[in-house]
Amino acid sequence: MARDGEAAGDVSRAREGGVQSVERVLDILEFLSRSEEELGIGEIGDATGLAAGTAHRLLATLSSTSTTWTSGWTSPTKVRTTL
């Protein structure tokens, strides 16, 4: 899967017809679902290949829909899935 810093052409080759942000959110949710612990944004970014800022923005959206729980947005933030 194409990640931050890769060429736009790599994205289309990675998953033809896919929506990159949806793919990234699904990667985050899959990773969170395998963990029994609360995880930091950096850990989530590292595990999914996302920059911390990208992971933060996607997690903020998930949090606003009650899909994830966060300990707050100050450092160190801890996240877990509510699914």
C-alpha atoms as a PDB file:
ATOM      1  CA  MET A   1       0.000   0.000   0.000  1.00  0.00           C
ATOM      2  CA  ALA A   2       1.286   3.456  -0.831  1.00  0.00           C
ATOM      3  CA  ARG A   3       2.010   5.677   2.141  1.00  0.00           C
ATOM      4  CA  ASP A   4       3.061   9.205   2.936  1.00  0.00           C
ATOM      5  CA  GLY A   5       5.919  10.338   0.743  1.00  0.00           C
ATOM      6  CA  GLU A   6       5.245   7.906  -2.098  1.00  0.00           C
ATOM      7  CA  ALA A   7       4.430   9.092  -5.578  1.00  0.00           C
ATOM      8  CA  ALA A   8       0.778   9.546  -6.526  1.00  0.00           C
ATOM      9  CA  GLY A   9       1.144   6.916  -9.248  1.00  0.00           C
ATOM     10  CA  ASP A  10       2.111   4.380  -6.605  1.00  0.00           C
ATOM     11  CA  VAL A  11      -1.238   4.887  -4.895  1.00  0.00           C
ATOM     12  CA  SER A  12      -3.242   3.941  -7.973  1.00  0.00           C
ATOM     13  CA  ARG A  13      -1.063   0.886  -8.543  1.00  0.00           C
ATOM     14  CA  ALA A  14      -1.363  -0.176  -4.893  1.00  0.00           C
ATOM     15  CA  ARG A  15      -5.140  -0.605  -4.947  1.00  0.00           C
ATOM     16  CA  GLU A  16      -6.794   0.201  -8.230  1.00  0.00           C
ATOM     17  CA  GLY A  17      -9.981   2.160  -7.672  1.00  0.00           C
ATOM     18  CA  GLY A  18      -9.517   2.439  -3.907  1.00  0.00           C
ATOM     19  CA  VAL A  19      -9.970   5.526  -1.791  1.00  0.00           C
ATOM     20  CA  GLN A  20      -6.699   6.145   0.019  1.00  0.00           C
ATOM     21  CA  SER A  21      -8.160   7.661   3.194  1.00  0.00           C
ATOM     22  CA  VAL A  22     -10.602   4.762   3.597  1.00  0.00           C
ATOM     23  CA  GLU A  23      -7.775   2.264   3.140  1.00  0.00           C
ATOM     24  CA  ARG A  24      -5.712   4.085   5.757  1.00  0.00           C
ATOM     25  CA  VAL A  25      -8.586   4.165   8.262  1.00  0.00           C
ATOM     26  CA  LEU A  26      -9.170   0.447   7.761  1.00  0.00           C
ATOM     27  CA  ASP A  27      -5.462  -0.205   8.354  1.00  0.00           C
ATOM     28  CA  ILE A  28      -5.676   1.764  11.617  1.00  0.00           C
ATOM     29  CA  LEU A  29      -8.812  -0.064  12.768  1.00  0.00           C
ATOM     30  CA  GLU A  30      -7.308  -3.446  11.916  1.00  0.00           C
ATOM     31  CA  PHE A  31      -4.174  -2.621  13.913  1.00  0.00           C
ATOM     32  CA  LEU A  32      -6.182  -1.320  16.882  1.00  0.00           C
ATOM     33  CA  SER A  33      -8.432  -4.381  16.852  1.00  0.00           C
ATOM     34  CA  ARG A  34      -5.403  -6.647  17.343  1.00  0.00           C
ATOM     35  CA  SER A  35      -4.168  -4.763  20.396  1.00  0.00           C
ATOM     36  CA  GLU A  36      -5.501  -5.210  23.884  1.00  0.00           C
ATOM     37  CA  GLU A  37      -3.670  -2.093  25.092  1.00  0.00           C
ATOM     38  CA  GLU A  38      -4.157   1.590  24.450  1.00  0.00           C
ATOM     39  CA  LEU A  39      -1.647   2.753  21.856  1.00  0.00           C
ATOM     40  CA  GLY A  40       0.077   6.033  21.126  1.00  0.00           C
ATOM     41  CA  ILE A  41      -0.390   7.901  17.868  1.00  0.00           C
ATOM     42  CA  GLY A  42       3.281   7.354  17.030  1.00  0.00           C
ATOM     43  CA  GLU A  43       2.902   3.605  17.548  1.00  0.00           C
ATOM     44  CA  ILE A  44      -0.162   3.543  15.311  1.00  0.00           C
ATOM     45  CA  GLY A  45       1.587   5.606  12.655  1.00  0.00           C
ATOM     46  CA  ASP A  46       4.671   3.395  12.725  1.00  0.00           C
ATOM     47  CA  ALA A  47       2.641   0.186  12.514  1.00  0.00           C
ATOM     48  CA  THR A  48       0.508   1.412   9.622  1.00  0.00           C
ATOM     49  CA  GLY A  49       3.196   3.321   7.748  1.00  0.00           C
ATOM     50  CA  LEU A  50       1.501   6.686   8.264  1.00  0.00           C
ATOM     51  CA  ALA A  51       3.089   9.954   9.294  1.00  0.00           C
ATOM     52  CA  ALA A  52       2.100  10.948  12.830  1.00  0.00           C
ATOM     53  CA  GLY A  53       0.147  13.966  11.541  1.00  0.00           C
ATOM     54  CA  THR A  54      -1.855  11.807   9.139  1.00  0.00           C
ATOM     55  CA  ALA A  55      -2.563   9.250  11.842  1.00  0.00           C
ATOM     56  CA  HIS A  56      -3.611  12.049  14.205  1.00  0.00           C
ATOM     57  CA  ARG A  57      -6.073  13.550  11.701  1.00  0.00           C
ATOM     58  CA  LEU A  58      -7.631  10.193  10.866  1.00  0.00           C
ATOM     59  CA  LEU A  59      -7.876   9.244  14.544  1.00  0.00           C
ATOM     60  CA  ALA A  60      -9.492  12.590  15.357  1.00  0.00           C
ATOM     61  CA  THR A  61     -12.169  11.823  12.777  1.00  0.00           C
ATOM     62  CA  LEU A  62     -12.655   8.313  14.145  1.00  0.00           C
ATOM     63  CA  SER A  63     -12.890   9.715  17.648  1.00  0.00           C
ATOM     64  CA  SER A  64     -15.554  12.228  16.608  1.00  0.00           C
ATOM     65  CA  THR A  65     -17.682   9.325  15.347  1.00  0.00           C
ATOM     66  CA  SER A  66     -17.130   7.323  18.563  1.00  0.00           C
ATOM     67  CA  THR A  67     -15.274   4.634  16.616  1.00  0.00           C
ATOM     68  CA  THR A  68     -12.182   5.128  18.748  1.00  0.00           C
ATOM     69  CA  TRP A  69     -11.535   6.381  22.257  1.00  0.00           C
ATOM     70  CA  THR A  70      -8.682   8.715  23.088  1.00  0.00           C
ATOM     71  CA  SER A  71      -7.224   9.812  26.377  1.00  0.00           C
ATOM     72  CA  GLY A  72      -7.261  13.380  25.056  1.00  0.00           C
ATOM     73  CA  TRP A  73      -5.260  15.136  22.385  1.00  0.00           C
ATOM     74  CA  THR A  74      -2.347  16.175  24.563  1.00  0.00           C
ATOM     75  CA  SER A  75       0.854  14.192  24.595  1.00  0.00           C
ATOM     76  CA  PRO A  76       1.064  11.308  25.200  1.00  0.00           C
ATOM     77  CA  THR A  77      -2.277  10.446  23.655  1.00  0.00           C
ATOM     78  CA  LYS A  78      -3.473   6.873  23.985  1.00  0.00           C
ATOM     79  CA  VAL A  79      -6.032   5.362  21.612  1.00  0.00           C
ATOM     80  CA  ARG A  80      -8.135   2.218  21.489  1.00  0.00           C
ATOM     81  CA  THR A  81     -11.006   1.053  19.317  1.00  0.00           C
ATOM     82  CA  THR A  82     -14.553   0.984  20.623  1.00  0.00           C
ATOM     83  CA  LEU A  83     -15.739  -1.520  18.025  1.00  0.00           C
END
